């Protein structure tokens, strides 16, 4: 189950799951590629997320093996210049939405000894100016995931993915000053998606707790 599977890293992970013979299930506000099981939900709406998870889990052909939460949004700018609603939306989608998806999926994952992969960012471990909402949300995902791993030890696998910048549409709607420069070194999301599958393919009793995956010349790491 992929939260945010219609675009970016989520869509790349849908493709990776299909390449490896799995069945992707998508929660998103947009429709994913044709033929992919899908439920519409805004990750800022916890009730809608709960309904979407239950519907997908009940209609899936087999047990739910894993959940990945790459969905994310941003609101760039200084704290006093970003409208409060926009700033808080970032927290609702990136952090609270991650928790909502996982909370709703836990009964299905614990029944089958499944695995959770959350998605933070290199800006979840390194803070920069004009990104207070995004950094707060992604630092939150890091702390949430580490606590969750302790909480679910021996029951459900937990991996924290910390990706650097990728060649996706994530930056498209930003003001020019907040877009990566033309010569920025960014990762291919299809390659990053393979690391998600790598984490999920570990043998029983062995877990990859955290993965930092970025271009070797990533400007936000270390």
Protein backbone atom coordinates (compact mmCIF):
# COMPACT_ATOMS: atom_id res chain seq x y z
CA UNK A 1 0.00 0.00 0.00
CA UNK A 2 1.51 3.29 -1.15
CA UNK A 3 0.28 6.62 0.17
CA UNK A 4 0.91 9.10 -2.61
CA UNK A 5 1.32 6.48 -5.33
CA UNK A 6 0.08 8.58 -8.24
CA UNK A 7 3.24 10.63 -8.76
CA UNK A 8 6.89 11.08 -7.88
CA UNK A 9 8.56 8.47 -5.70
CA UNK A 10 5.18 6.89 -4.98
CA UNK A 11 4.52 6.23 -8.66
CA UNK A 12 8.07 4.95 -9.08
CA UNK A 13 7.44 2.52 -6.23
CA UNK A 14 4.23 1.35 -7.89
CA UNK A 15 6.32 0.49 -10.94
CA UNK A 16 8.95 -1.24 -8.82
CA UNK A 17 6.35 -3.36 -7.03
CA UNK A 18 4.91 -4.41 -10.38
CA UNK A 19 8.36 -5.24 -11.77
CA UNK A 20 8.98 -7.52 -8.81
CA UNK A 21 5.65 -9.33 -9.12
CA UNK A 22 3.74 -7.60 -6.34
CA UNK A 23 0.38 -5.83 -6.35
CA UNK A 24 0.44 -2.10 -5.54
CA UNK A 25 -2.47 -0.45 -3.74
CA UNK A 26 -2.61 3.33 -3.88
CA UNK A 27 -4.08 6.08 -1.70
CA UNK A 28 -3.88 9.54 -3.27
CA UNK A 29 -5.89 12.61 -4.25
CA UNK A 30 -5.08 11.81 -7.89
CA UNK A 31 -5.59 8.60 -9.83
CA UNK A 32 -2.51 6.43 -10.38
CA UNK A 33 -1.59 4.57 -13.54
CA UNK A 34 -4.34 2.54 -15.21
CA UNK A 35 -5.11 -0.78 -13.59
CA UNK A 36 -3.72 0.04 -10.15
CA UNK A 37 -6.11 -0.47 -7.24
CA UNK A 38 -6.86 2.96 -5.84
CA UNK A 39 -8.79 4.86 -3.20
CA UNK A 40 -9.13 8.63 -3.14
CA UNK A 41 -8.18 10.32 0.12
CA UNK A 42 -6.58 13.56 1.25
CA UNK A 43 -3.91 12.57 3.77
CA UNK A 44 -4.86 15.62 5.82
CA UNK A 45 -8.27 13.98 6.41
CA UNK A 46 -7.74 11.18 8.93
CA UNK A 47 -11.26 9.76 8.59
CA UNK A 48 -10.91 9.57 4.80
CA UNK A 49 -7.53 7.87 5.19
CA UNK A 50 -8.98 5.27 7.55
CA UNK A 51 -11.79 4.47 5.10
CA UNK A 52 -9.37 4.23 2.17
CA UNK A 53 -7.01 1.87 3.99
CA UNK A 54 -9.86 -0.39 5.07
CA UNK A 55 -11.37 -0.49 1.58
CA UNK A 56 -8.09 -1.35 -0.10
CA UNK A 57 -7.16 -3.94 2.52
CA UNK A 58 -10.52 -5.68 2.28
CA UNK A 59 -10.63 -5.77 -1.51
CA UNK A 60 -6.99 -6.83 -2.01
CA UNK A 61 -6.28 -10.28 -3.36
CA UNK A 62 -4.36 -11.52 -0.34
CA UNK A 63 -2.91 -10.05 2.86
CA UNK A 64 -1.36 -6.63 3.17
CA UNK A 65 2.41 -7.14 3.28
CA UNK A 66 3.73 -3.60 3.46
CA UNK A 67 2.94 0.10 3.68
CA UNK A 68 5.05 2.91 2.22
CA UNK A 69 4.30 6.58 2.90
CA UNK A 70 6.10 8.86 0.40
CA UNK A 71 3.26 11.37 -0.06
CA UNK A 72 4.36 14.89 0.74
CA UNK A 73 3.84 18.58 0.16
CA UNK A 74 5.67 21.81 0.94
CA UNK A 75 5.13 25.54 1.55
CA UNK A 76 8.37 27.43 1.07
CA UNK A 77 9.10 30.78 2.63
CA UNK A 78 9.87 32.50 5.90
CA UNK A 79 7.59 31.56 8.78
CA UNK A 80 5.99 35.02 8.94
CA UNK A 81 5.34 35.02 5.19
CA UNK A 82 3.68 31.62 4.70
CA UNK A 83 -0.09 31.65 5.41
CA UNK A 84 -0.86 29.64 8.53
CA UNK A 85 -3.23 27.31 6.68
CA UNK A 86 -0.57 26.47 4.09
CA UNK A 87 2.08 25.94 6.77
CA UNK A 88 -0.17 23.64 8.80
CA UNK A 89 -1.22 21.70 5.69
CA UNK A 90 2.37 20.55 5.31
CA UNK A 91 2.34 19.14 8.83
CA UNK A 92 -1.05 17.52 8.29
CA UNK A 93 -0.04 15.75 5.08
CA UNK A 94 3.59 14.89 5.73
CA UNK A 95 3.50 13.94 9.41
CA UNK A 96 -0.07 13.41 10.58
CA UNK A 97 -1.00 11.79 7.26
CA UNK A 98 1.89 9.35 7.63
CA UNK A 99 0.70 8.43 11.12
CA UNK A 100 -2.92 8.12 9.97
CA UNK A 101 -2.08 5.67 7.18
CA UNK A 102 0.08 3.53 9.44
CA UNK A 103 -2.39 3.58 12.33
CA UNK A 104 -5.18 2.40 10.04
CA UNK A 105 -3.01 -0.29 8.43
CA UNK A 106 -1.56 -1.75 11.64
CA UNK A 107 -4.28 -4.36 12.25
CA UNK A 108 -3.64 -5.82 8.79
CA UNK A 109 0.15 -5.66 9.10
CA UNK A 110 0.34 -7.24 12.55
CA UNK A 111 -1.86 -10.11 11.38
CA UNK A 112 0.65 -10.96 8.65
CA UNK A 113 3.96 -9.80 10.14
CA UNK A 114 4.18 -6.97 7.60
CA UNK A 115 6.55 -4.08 7.13
CA UNK A 116 6.34 -0.27 7.23
CA UNK A 117 8.61 2.07 5.28
CA UNK A 118 8.21 5.75 6.10
CA UNK A 119 9.64 8.55 3.98
CA UNK A 120 11.44 11.49 5.57
CA UNK A 121 14.00 13.63 3.72
CA UNK A 122 17.55 14.83 4.09
CA UNK A 123 15.75 17.94 5.39
CA UNK A 124 14.50 15.74 8.21
CA UNK A 125 18.03 15.62 9.59
CA UNK A 126 19.43 18.93 8.31
CA UNK A 127 17.55 22.21 8.74
CA UNK A 128 17.60 25.07 6.23
CA UNK A 129 16.04 28.52 6.08
CA UNK A 130 12.63 29.12 4.49
CA UNK A 131 11.60 25.50 5.11
CA UNK A 132 10.25 25.51 8.66
CA UNK A 133 7.08 23.60 7.77
CA UNK A 134 8.84 20.97 5.69
CA UNK A 135 11.69 20.50 8.15
CA UNK A 136 9.28 20.31 11.09
CA UNK A 137 7.22 17.67 9.31
CA UNK A 138 10.18 15.58 8.19
CA UNK A 139 12.06 15.86 11.48
CA UNK A 140 8.76 14.66 12.94
CA UNK A 141 8.66 11.67 10.60
CA UNK A 142 12.18 10.72 11.73
CA UNK A 143 11.23 10.82 15.41
CA UNK A 144 7.89 9.13 14.80
CA UNK A 145 9.52 6.28 12.88
CA UNK A 146 12.25 5.68 15.42
CA UNK A 147 9.67 5.51 18.22
CA UNK A 148 7.45 3.27 16.09
CA UNK A 149 10.32 0.87 15.46
CA UNK A 150 10.81 0.53 19.21
CA UNK A 151 7.09 0.10 19.75
CA UNK A 152 6.60 -2.58 17.08
CA UNK A 153 9.84 -4.49 17.55
CA UNK A 154 9.23 -8.17 16.87
CA UNK A 155 5.75 -7.52 15.49
CA UNK A 156 6.02 -5.37 12.37
CA UNK A 157 9.16 -4.32 10.51
CA UNK A 158 9.90 -0.60 10.40
CA UNK A 159 12.31 1.18 8.05
CA UNK A 160 12.98 4.90 7.74
CA UNK A 161 13.87 6.08 4.23
CA UNK A 162 15.71 9.42 4.05
CA UNK A 163 15.91 10.42 0.38
CA UNK A 164 17.67 13.40 -1.11
CA UNK A 165 16.30 15.45 -3.99
CA UNK A 166 14.84 13.54 -6.92
CA UNK A 167 13.86 14.32 -10.50
CA UNK A 168 10.12 14.54 -9.85
CA UNK A 169 7.43 17.19 -10.22
CA UNK A 170 7.76 18.05 -6.51
CA UNK A 171 9.60 21.28 -7.29
CA UNK A 172 7.50 22.36 -10.28
CA UNK A 173 5.06 24.72 -8.56
CA UNK A 174 7.63 26.48 -6.39
CA UNK A 175 8.82 30.05 -6.95
CA UNK A 176 12.06 30.03 -8.94
CA UNK A 177 14.16 30.87 -5.88
CA UNK A 178 13.11 27.58 -4.26
CA UNK A 179 13.70 25.33 -7.25
CA UNK A 180 16.92 23.32 -7.60
CA UNK A 181 19.40 25.04 -9.90
CA UNK A 182 19.77 23.76 -13.44
CA UNK A 183 22.98 21.94 -12.54
CA UNK A 184 21.58 20.32 -9.35
CA UNK A 185 22.47 16.68 -8.85
CA UNK A 186 19.24 14.77 -8.23
CA UNK A 187 18.42 11.08 -7.93
CA UNK A 188 16.24 9.05 -10.27
CA UNK A 189 13.07 8.11 -8.30
CA UNK A 190 12.99 4.69 -9.96
CA UNK A 191 16.37 3.93 -8.42
CA UNK A 192 15.23 5.16 -5.01
CA UNK A 193 12.12 2.98 -5.30
CA UNK A 194 14.35 -0.06 -5.65
CA UNK A 195 15.79 0.67 -2.21
CA UNK A 196 12.28 0.48 -0.77
CA UNK A 197 11.88 -2.99 -2.25
CA UNK A 198 15.35 -3.90 -0.97
CA UNK A 199 14.24 -3.04 2.56
CA UNK A 200 11.11 -5.15 2.16
CA UNK A 201 13.01 -8.19 0.88
CA UNK A 202 15.13 -8.68 4.00
CA UNK A 203 14.82 -12.10 5.65
CA UNK A 204 12.62 -12.59 8.68
CA UNK A 205 14.24 -11.24 11.82
CA UNK A 206 16.50 -8.83 9.94
CA UNK A 207 15.50 -5.21 9.32
CA UNK A 208 17.08 -2.23 7.67
CA UNK A 209 16.24 0.44 10.23
CA UNK A 210 17.30 3.52 8.26
CA UNK A 211 18.39 4.29 4.70
CA UNK A 212 19.87 7.57 3.44
CA UNK A 213 19.63 7.49 -0.36
CA UNK A 214 20.88 10.49 -2.30
CA UNK A 215 23.05 11.57 -5.17
CA UNK A 216 26.73 11.45 -4.24
CA UNK A 217 26.81 15.23 -4.74
CA UNK A 218 23.60 15.95 -2.82
CA UNK A 219 23.78 19.50 -1.44
CA UNK A 220 21.60 18.82 1.61
CA UNK A 221 23.67 15.86 2.84
CA UNK A 222 25.55 15.68 5.07
